[in-house]
């Protein structure tokens, strides 16, 4: 049996609704109420459809989730995607995963239509290039949601990750000497007050400056889990996948 996938064309948008995943023979199935998750994906620099597939396959091992993936805006940096034009775009979802990369969008009302979802209480996961989305904006609404401010990254290299919040359930028991495949260390200009760093890494280019690479944050009382990791082969790393599972479960209080 294969997973049922429904494709819905909405103008220039492509929404992918993944129904309940099929059961693998012999594998224990996650229990509990089903969740509805939206992944917002697309833009510059990465294989977003491949990443989204790994994300869904990773989370379905630990939680029963029905997925909607909005892949919009092509591969540029300045798309104001149609999804956010609907003021109710987030209604009905238990969590939103931001995996978009639109650095040059600066429209304030557009950005505030995004953050409104999370002010309303919808938890968020923010991944890798989403930290550089909307970085041209003069307002800080998006950056406050993320929990960190970043506008650039180091050259790609294998990143030695330091687990700094060892008592936190998202980190406890994870490999302490984890080194990523070739990834990008994002330079963090500001850590927002309600952000808690879970893992950090030292920059080879910034005078040994140490930056968060995994964190939790709170945005108007809403849970946000974030990581700047997620370039290329890092998505296939078991430690990275377990971080996604734990961060997702934390965000939805499971």
Protein backbone atom coordinates (compact mmCIF):
# COMPACT_ATOMS: atom_id res chain seq x y z
CA UNK A 1 0.00 0.00 0.00
CA UNK A 2 1.27 3.48 -0.80
CA UNK A 3 0.66 6.77 0.94
CA UNK A 4 -2.29 8.65 -0.55
CA UNK A 5 -1.39 12.13 -1.79
CA UNK A 6 -3.84 14.65 -3.18
CA UNK A 7 -2.53 17.49 -5.34
CA UNK A 8 -4.52 20.70 -5.44
CA UNK A 9 -3.57 23.44 -7.90
CA UNK A 10 -4.45 26.93 -6.64
CA UNK A 11 -3.32 29.50 -9.21
CA UNK A 12 0.46 29.53 -9.03
CA UNK A 13 0.36 27.64 -5.76
CA UNK A 14 0.73 23.93 -5.36
CA UNK A 15 -0.74 22.53 -2.19
CA UNK A 16 0.02 18.93 -1.33
CA UNK A 17 -2.31 17.22 1.10
CA UNK A 18 -0.76 14.07 2.52
CA UNK A 19 -3.40 11.83 4.02
CA UNK A 20 -2.78 9.52 6.97
CA UNK A 21 0.48 7.69 6.25
CA UNK A 22 0.43 3.99 5.60
CA UNK A 23 1.44 1.59 8.35
CA UNK A 24 4.80 -0.09 7.95
CA UNK A 25 4.57 -3.79 8.66
CA UNK A 26 5.91 -4.64 12.08
CA UNK A 27 6.57 -1.01 13.03
CA UNK A 28 4.80 0.44 16.08
CA UNK A 29 2.40 3.17 15.08
CA UNK A 30 2.18 6.51 16.93
CA UNK A 31 -0.92 6.95 19.01
CA UNK A 32 -2.99 9.86 20.25
CA UNK A 33 -5.21 12.46 18.56
CA UNK A 34 -4.21 13.26 15.01
CA UNK A 35 -2.60 16.62 14.34
CA UNK A 36 -2.95 18.88 11.32
CA UNK A 37 0.32 20.45 10.22
CA UNK A 38 1.06 23.02 7.52
CA UNK A 39 4.50 23.29 5.92
CA UNK A 40 5.25 26.56 4.11
CA UNK A 41 8.05 25.88 1.68
CA UNK A 42 9.92 27.27 -1.31
CA UNK A 43 12.30 29.97 -2.42
CA UNK A 44 16.01 30.23 -2.91
CA UNK A 45 18.86 27.84 -2.54
CA UNK A 46 17.56 24.44 -1.40
CA UNK A 47 15.66 21.29 -2.39
CA UNK A 48 12.51 22.11 -0.45
CA UNK A 49 10.34 19.33 -1.82
CA UNK A 50 13.01 16.79 -0.82
CA UNK A 51 13.36 18.35 2.63
CA UNK A 52 9.60 18.36 3.17
CA UNK A 53 9.39 14.68 2.30
CA UNK A 54 12.09 13.84 4.86
CA UNK A 55 10.35 16.03 7.45
CA UNK A 56 7.02 14.25 7.03
CA UNK A 57 8.58 10.80 7.04
CA UNK A 58 10.56 11.70 10.17
CA UNK A 59 7.67 13.09 12.20
CA UNK A 60 5.22 10.37 11.23
CA UNK A 61 7.36 7.88 13.15
CA UNK A 62 6.50 9.55 16.46
CA UNK A 63 3.19 11.39 15.96
CA UNK A 64 0.02 10.84 13.91
CA UNK A 65 -0.06 13.87 11.59
CA UNK A 66 -2.03 14.91 8.51
CA UNK A 67 0.08 17.25 6.40
CA UNK A 68 -0.56 20.13 4.05
CA UNK A 69 2.48 21.44 2.18
CA UNK A 70 2.30 24.82 0.48
CA UNK A 71 5.16 25.03 -2.01
CA UNK A 72 4.95 28.44 -3.60
CA UNK A 73 6.92 31.30 -5.09
CA UNK A 74 9.44 29.46 -7.25
CA UNK A 75 13.16 29.65 -6.54
CA UNK A 76 13.65 33.41 -6.22
CA UNK A 77 14.13 35.60 -3.16
CA UNK A 78 11.28 38.10 -3.46
CA UNK A 79 8.04 36.13 -3.74
CA UNK A 80 5.06 37.32 -1.74
CA UNK A 81 3.36 33.95 -1.80
CA UNK A 82 -0.43 33.71 -2.30
CA UNK A 83 -0.97 31.61 0.83
CA UNK A 84 -0.50 34.57 3.14
CA UNK A 85 -2.98 36.75 1.28
CA UNK A 86 -5.79 34.94 3.08
CA UNK A 87 -6.11 36.39 6.61
CA UNK A 88 -7.29 32.97 7.79
CA UNK A 89 -4.44 31.02 6.16
CA UNK A 90 -3.47 29.32 9.43
CA UNK A 91 -6.94 28.38 10.67
CA UNK A 92 -7.47 24.70 11.40
CA UNK A 93 -3.79 23.83 11.85
CA UNK A 94 -2.18 22.65 15.07
CA UNK A 95 1.30 23.75 13.96
CA UNK A 96 3.03 25.57 11.10
CA UNK A 97 6.50 24.63 9.86
CA UNK A 98 8.29 27.53 8.17
CA UNK A 99 10.76 26.24 5.59
CA UNK A 100 10.65 29.19 3.20
CA UNK A 101 13.48 31.39 1.95
CA UNK A 102 12.47 34.84 0.64
CA UNK A 103 15.20 37.21 1.76
CA UNK A 104 14.15 40.27 -0.23
CA UNK A 105 10.50 40.54 0.80
CA UNK A 106 10.12 43.59 3.04
CA UNK A 107 6.41 44.45 2.89
CA UNK A 108 5.34 45.10 6.48
CA UNK A 109 1.67 44.15 6.16
CA UNK A 110 2.60 40.93 4.38
CA UNK A 111 5.04 39.95 7.14
CA UNK A 112 2.57 40.82 9.87
CA UNK A 113 -0.02 38.58 8.19
CA UNK A 114 2.45 35.73 8.78
CA UNK A 115 3.26 36.51 12.39
CA UNK A 116 -0.44 37.02 13.19
CA UNK A 117 -0.88 33.23 13.06
CA UNK A 118 1.57 32.73 15.87
CA UNK A 119 0.30 35.68 17.90
CA UNK A 120 -3.02 33.83 17.70
CA UNK A 121 -1.41 30.79 19.35
CA UNK A 122 -0.39 28.46 16.52
CA UNK A 123 3.00 26.88 17.40
CA UNK A 124 5.86 27.12 14.90
CA UNK A 125 8.91 25.25 13.71
CA UNK A 126 11.44 27.49 11.93
CA UNK A 127 14.12 25.84 9.82
CA UNK A 128 17.45 26.89 8.30
CA UNK A 129 16.84 29.40 5.50
CA UNK A 130 13.64 30.69 7.09
CA UNK A 131 16.02 32.62 9.37
CA UNK A 132 17.06 34.65 6.31
CA UNK A 133 13.54 35.16 5.01
CA UNK A 134 12.27 38.74 5.16
CA UNK A 135 15.70 39.92 6.33
CA UNK A 136 15.33 43.08 4.23
CA UNK A 137 12.38 44.19 6.34
CA UNK A 138 12.79 47.19 8.61
CA UNK A 139 10.34 45.81 11.18
CA UNK A 140 11.38 43.07 13.62
CA UNK A 141 8.12 41.09 13.75
CA UNK A 142 9.49 38.08 11.85
CA UNK A 143 12.81 38.10 13.68
CA UNK A 144 11.05 38.22 17.05
CA UNK A 145 8.97 35.21 15.98
CA UNK A 146 12.11 33.29 15.00
CA UNK A 147 13.77 34.07 18.34
CA UNK A 148 17.04 35.03 16.63
CA UNK A 149 18.22 37.62 14.12
CA UNK A 150 20.52 36.49 11.29
CA UNK A 151 21.39 37.93 7.90
CA UNK A 152 24.35 35.81 6.76
CA UNK A 153 26.19 32.54 7.31
CA UNK A 154 29.76 31.25 7.24
CA UNK A 155 31.24 29.22 4.44
CA UNK A 156 29.88 25.68 4.34
CA UNK A 157 31.77 23.28 6.59
CA UNK A 158 31.25 20.38 8.97
CA UNK A 159 29.86 21.93 12.14
CA UNK A 160 30.84 20.62 15.57
CA UNK A 161 27.63 20.97 17.60
CA UNK A 162 27.83 21.58 21.34
CA UNK A 163 24.80 20.51 23.39
CA UNK A 164 24.53 23.28 25.98
CA UNK A 165 21.15 22.56 27.61
CA UNK A 166 21.80 18.95 28.56
CA UNK A 167 18.91 18.80 31.03
CA UNK A 168 16.38 19.94 28.45
CA UNK A 169 14.25 17.01 27.17
CA UNK A 170 14.87 18.05 23.56
CA UNK A 171 18.61 17.54 24.06
CA UNK A 172 18.91 14.91 26.81
CA UNK A 173 20.54 11.74 25.55
CA UNK A 174 21.54 13.05 22.13
CA UNK A 175 25.04 12.48 20.80
CA UNK A 176 27.22 15.09 22.49
CA UNK A 177 30.06 15.03 19.96
CA UNK A 178 27.83 15.36 16.91
CA UNK A 179 29.48 16.83 13.83
CA UNK A 180 27.17 17.65 10.94
CA UNK A 181 27.83 16.92 7.29
CA UNK A 182 28.75 20.03 5.32
CA UNK A 183 26.34 22.68 6.57
CA UNK A 184 26.14 26.44 7.04
CA UNK A 185 26.68 28.12 10.41
CA UNK A 186 24.35 31.10 10.59
CA UNK A 187 25.79 34.22 12.18
CA UNK A 188 23.38 35.26 14.94
CA UNK A 189 23.31 39.02 15.48
CA UNK A 190 20.75 38.94 18.26
CA UNK A 191 19.18 36.35 20.54
CA UNK A 192 15.73 37.55 21.56
CA UNK A 193 14.90 37.66 25.29
CA UNK A 194 12.57 34.63 25.39
CA UNK A 195 14.92 32.36 23.44
CA UNK A 196 16.72 29.46 25.10
CA UNK A 197 19.77 28.06 23.29
CA UNK A 198 19.83 24.25 23.31
CA UNK A 199 22.89 23.73 21.11
CA UNK A 200 25.61 26.03 19.82
CA UNK A 201 28.60 26.01 17.49
CA UNK A 202 31.79 28.03 17.19
CA UNK A 203 32.41 29.97 14.00
CA UNK A 204 35.68 29.34 12.16
CA UNK A 205 35.46 32.84 10.66
CA UNK A 206 34.18 35.06 13.46
CA UNK A 207 37.02 34.97 15.99
CA UNK A 208 35.65 31.82 17.63
CA UNK A 209 32.28 33.47 18.25
CA UNK A 210 29.69 30.98 19.47
CA UNK A 211 26.18 30.99 18.01
CA UNK A 212 22.97 29.10 18.78
CA UNK A 213 22.13 26.41 16.22
CA UNK A 214 19.13 24.85 18.03
CA UNK A 215 16.77 26.69 20.38
CA UNK A 216 13.30 27.09 21.80
CA UNK A 217 11.50 30.38 22.08
CA UNK A 218 8.21 31.94 23.09
CA UNK A 219 6.34 34.39 20.90
CA UNK A 220 3.40 36.06 22.62
CA UNK A 221 3.01 32.89 24.69
CA UNK A 222 3.30 30.59 21.64
CA UNK A 223 5.95 27.87 21.44
CA UNK A 224 8.58 28.13 18.69
CA UNK A 225 11.30 25.55 17.99
CA UNK A 226 14.12 26.62 15.70
CA UNK A 227 17.33 25.44 14.11
CA UNK A 228 19.70 27.06 11.63
CA UNK A 229 20.97 23.62 10.64
CA UNK A 230 19.48 21.88 7.64
CA UNK A 231 21.72 22.35 4.62
CA UNK A 232 22.07 19.42 2.21
CA UNK A 233 22.93 16.05 3.75
CA UNK A 234 22.24 17.19 7.31
CA UNK A 235 18.61 16.25 6.64
CA UNK A 236 19.62 12.59 6.40
CA UNK A 237 21.47 12.59 9.74
CA UNK A 238 19.75 10.58 12.52
CA UNK A 239 20.66 13.18 15.15
CA UNK A 240 19.12 15.98 13.10
CA UNK A 241 16.00 13.92 12.49
CA UNK A 242 15.66 13.19 16.20
CA UNK A 243 16.00 16.90 16.94
CA UNK A 244 13.13 17.55 14.54
CA UNK A 245 11.01 14.90 16.23
CA UNK A 246 11.69 16.22 19.71
CA UNK A 247 11.25 19.84 18.71
CA UNK A 248 7.97 19.09 16.98
CA UNK A 249 6.64 17.16 19.99
CA UNK A 250 7.69 19.97 22.32
CA UNK A 251 6.01 22.61 20.17
CA UNK A 252 2.65 20.78 20.19
CA UNK A 253 3.01 19.77 23.87
CA UNK A 254 3.12 16.06 23.11
